């Protein structure tokens, strides 16, 4: 399989919002070193291997995108900017609804077949729906890590 696009979910895949989804946090957000705090001092952190994974994909010229079904897209986008990771992604599909819609937009806008995509997500319903499209969907149980990533894309 030739991987043309790697798609990441956000909550519990790329980041942890102190045990809740980002739409359960309380903006405004403030950056403190490598973490972000919401107005209730809830910490929001990227999982430790995420930056290395994004840098690896960028170096290998593998396209990356985001697919998140959050109820607060603007909050998620603020966090992406505060973590300074927005430049890694050629497309961001961040809005409520089925991830099937997110992937239809990715396929249409990027002209990449589902069979050339790999998707990382922490929710089994999304893994099933997107996997049924023909995308290689990888279940992320406790945050994305290097071993899981390399196994999924078969480095």
Protein backbone atom coordinates (compact mmCIF):
# COMPACT_ATOMS: atom_id res chain seq x y z
CA UNK A 1 0.00 0.00 0.00
CA UNK A 2 1.27 3.43 -0.92
CA UNK A 3 0.45 5.95 1.82
CA UNK A 4 -0.45 9.29 0.25
CA UNK A 5 -2.24 10.85 3.22
CA UNK A 6 -2.16 10.34 6.97
CA UNK A 7 -5.19 11.69 8.83
CA UNK A 8 -5.28 12.30 12.55
CA UNK A 9 -8.11 12.81 14.99
CA UNK A 10 -7.37 15.33 17.76
CA UNK A 11 -8.85 14.48 21.18
CA UNK A 12 -7.17 11.45 22.80
CA UNK A 13 -5.20 10.88 19.58
CA UNK A 14 -2.85 13.86 19.22
CA UNK A 15 -3.63 15.52 22.53
CA UNK A 16 -5.10 15.03 25.98
CA UNK A 17 -7.28 17.77 27.44
CA UNK A 18 -6.90 16.59 31.03
CA UNK A 19 -9.17 13.61 30.41
CA UNK A 20 -11.95 15.39 28.47
CA UNK A 21 -12.62 16.41 24.86
CA UNK A 22 -11.50 19.89 23.83
CA UNK A 23 -15.12 21.01 23.59
CA UNK A 24 -15.40 20.34 27.34
CA UNK A 25 -12.56 22.73 28.17
CA UNK A 26 -12.99 26.39 29.10
CA UNK A 27 -11.27 29.00 26.93
CA UNK A 28 -9.48 31.31 26.90
CA UNK A 29 -6.33 29.23 26.59
CA UNK A 30 -2.85 30.27 27.70
CA UNK A 31 0.42 28.65 26.72
CA UNK A 32 2.81 27.68 29.50
CA UNK A 33 5.91 25.98 28.12
CA UNK A 34 4.89 22.77 26.32
CA UNK A 35 1.40 22.73 27.73
CA UNK A 36 -1.68 24.84 27.40
CA UNK A 37 -4.01 25.71 30.25
CA UNK A 38 -7.66 26.60 29.95
CA UNK A 39 -9.34 29.17 32.20
CA UNK A 40 -9.93 26.51 34.87
CA UNK A 41 -6.22 25.52 34.83
CA UNK A 42 -7.00 22.25 33.03
CA UNK A 43 -3.83 21.18 31.18
CA UNK A 44 -3.89 20.33 27.49
CA UNK A 45 -0.83 18.49 26.19
CA UNK A 46 0.30 16.81 23.01
CA UNK A 47 1.23 13.16 23.49
CA UNK A 48 5.00 12.86 23.77
CA UNK A 49 5.69 11.32 20.32
CA UNK A 50 3.35 13.55 18.30
CA UNK A 51 5.87 16.21 17.24
CA UNK A 52 8.40 13.57 16.16
CA UNK A 53 5.69 11.80 14.12
CA UNK A 54 4.59 15.02 12.42
CA UNK A 55 8.21 15.96 11.67
CA UNK A 56 8.92 12.49 10.29
CA UNK A 57 5.92 12.69 7.92
CA UNK A 58 6.94 16.16 6.81
CA UNK A 59 10.52 15.05 6.14
CA UNK A 60 9.23 12.06 4.14
CA UNK A 61 6.86 14.38 2.26
CA UNK A 62 3.82 12.42 3.40
CA UNK A 63 0.73 14.61 3.31
CA UNK A 64 -1.16 15.02 6.59
CA UNK A 65 -4.67 16.18 7.47
CA UNK A 66 -6.97 16.43 10.48
CA UNK A 67 -10.45 15.00 10.94
CA UNK A 68 -12.23 15.90 14.17
CA UNK A 69 -15.92 15.85 15.00
CA UNK A 70 -15.69 18.35 17.85
CA UNK A 71 -18.66 20.50 18.74
CA UNK A 72 -16.34 23.52 19.14
CA UNK A 73 -14.24 23.74 15.95
CA UNK A 74 -12.90 27.20 16.78
CA UNK A 75 -11.54 25.94 20.12
CA UNK A 76 -9.77 23.03 18.43
CA UNK A 77 -8.27 25.41 15.86
CA UNK A 78 -7.05 27.72 18.65
CA UNK A 79 -5.30 24.77 20.28
CA UNK A 80 -3.73 23.71 16.98
CA UNK A 81 -2.32 27.23 16.61
CA UNK A 82 -1.12 27.42 20.22
CA UNK A 83 0.72 24.12 19.77
CA UNK A 84 2.10 25.60 16.52
CA UNK A 85 1.30 22.49 14.49
CA UNK A 86 -1.07 24.00 11.89
CA UNK A 87 1.61 24.10 9.19
CA UNK A 88 1.88 20.30 9.16
CA UNK A 89 -1.63 19.80 7.76
CA UNK A 90 -2.73 20.41 4.19
CA UNK A 91 -6.39 20.17 5.15
CA UNK A 92 -8.40 20.37 8.36
CA UNK A 93 -11.88 18.88 8.55
CA UNK A 94 -12.99 20.00 12.01
CA UNK A 95 -16.75 20.08 12.63
CA UNK A 96 -19.51 17.92 14.16
CA UNK A 97 -20.92 14.94 12.31
CA UNK A 98 -19.87 11.62 10.88
CA UNK A 99 -16.23 11.21 9.94
CA UNK A 100 -17.49 9.81 6.64
CA UNK A 101 -18.27 13.43 5.68
CA UNK A 102 -14.77 14.50 6.72
CA UNK A 103 -13.20 11.81 4.53
CA UNK A 104 -15.44 12.53 1.57
CA UNK A 105 -14.16 16.13 1.67
CA UNK A 106 -10.54 14.97 1.98
CA UNK A 107 -10.94 12.61 -0.99
CA UNK A 108 -12.69 15.23 -3.09
CA UNK A 109 -10.39 18.16 -2.31
CA UNK A 110 -7.08 16.28 -2.37
CA UNK A 111 -7.92 13.73 -5.06
CA UNK A 112 -6.52 10.88 -2.99
CA UNK A 113 -8.20 7.47 -2.95
CA UNK A 114 -9.38 6.05 0.38
CA UNK A 115 -7.06 3.07 -0.10
CA UNK A 116 -4.06 5.43 0.03
CA UNK A 117 -5.06 6.95 3.38
CA UNK A 118 -4.19 5.94 6.94
CA UNK A 119 -6.34 7.26 9.78
CA UNK A 120 -5.60 7.36 13.51
CA UNK A 121 -8.51 7.76 15.94
CA UNK A 122 -9.44 6.81 19.49
CA UNK A 123 -13.13 6.04 18.87
CA UNK A 124 -14.12 2.64 17.52
CA UNK A 125 -17.24 4.03 15.79
CA UNK A 126 -15.00 6.28 13.69
CA UNK A 127 -12.58 3.43 12.98
CA UNK A 128 -15.49 1.30 11.73
CA UNK A 129 -17.14 4.01 9.61
CA UNK A 130 -13.92 5.20 7.99
CA UNK A 131 -12.54 1.68 7.65
CA UNK A 132 -15.68 0.73 5.73
CA UNK A 133 -14.71 3.37 3.13
CA UNK A 134 -11.46 1.48 2.46
CA UNK A 135 -9.20 3.68 4.60
CA UNK A 136 -6.66 1.88 6.78
CA UNK A 137 -8.10 2.92 10.15
CA UNK A 138 -5.93 2.47 13.23
CA UNK A 139 -7.43 2.42 16.73
CA UNK A 140 -5.51 4.62 19.16
CA UNK A 141 -6.17 3.35 22.66
CA UNK A 142 -4.11 5.72 24.79
CA UNK A 143 -2.69 8.46 22.57
CA UNK A 144 -0.64 8.18 19.41
CA UNK A 145 2.89 6.88 19.93
CA UNK A 146 5.86 6.10 17.71
CA UNK A 147 5.53 2.28 17.86
CA UNK A 148 1.87 2.39 16.88
CA UNK A 149 2.59 4.85 14.10
CA UNK A 150 5.50 2.93 12.57
CA UNK A 151 3.60 -0.34 12.78
CA UNK A 152 0.60 1.17 11.01
CA UNK A 153 2.57 2.65 8.14
CA UNK A 154 4.99 -0.30 8.09
CA UNK A 155 8.34 1.46 8.45
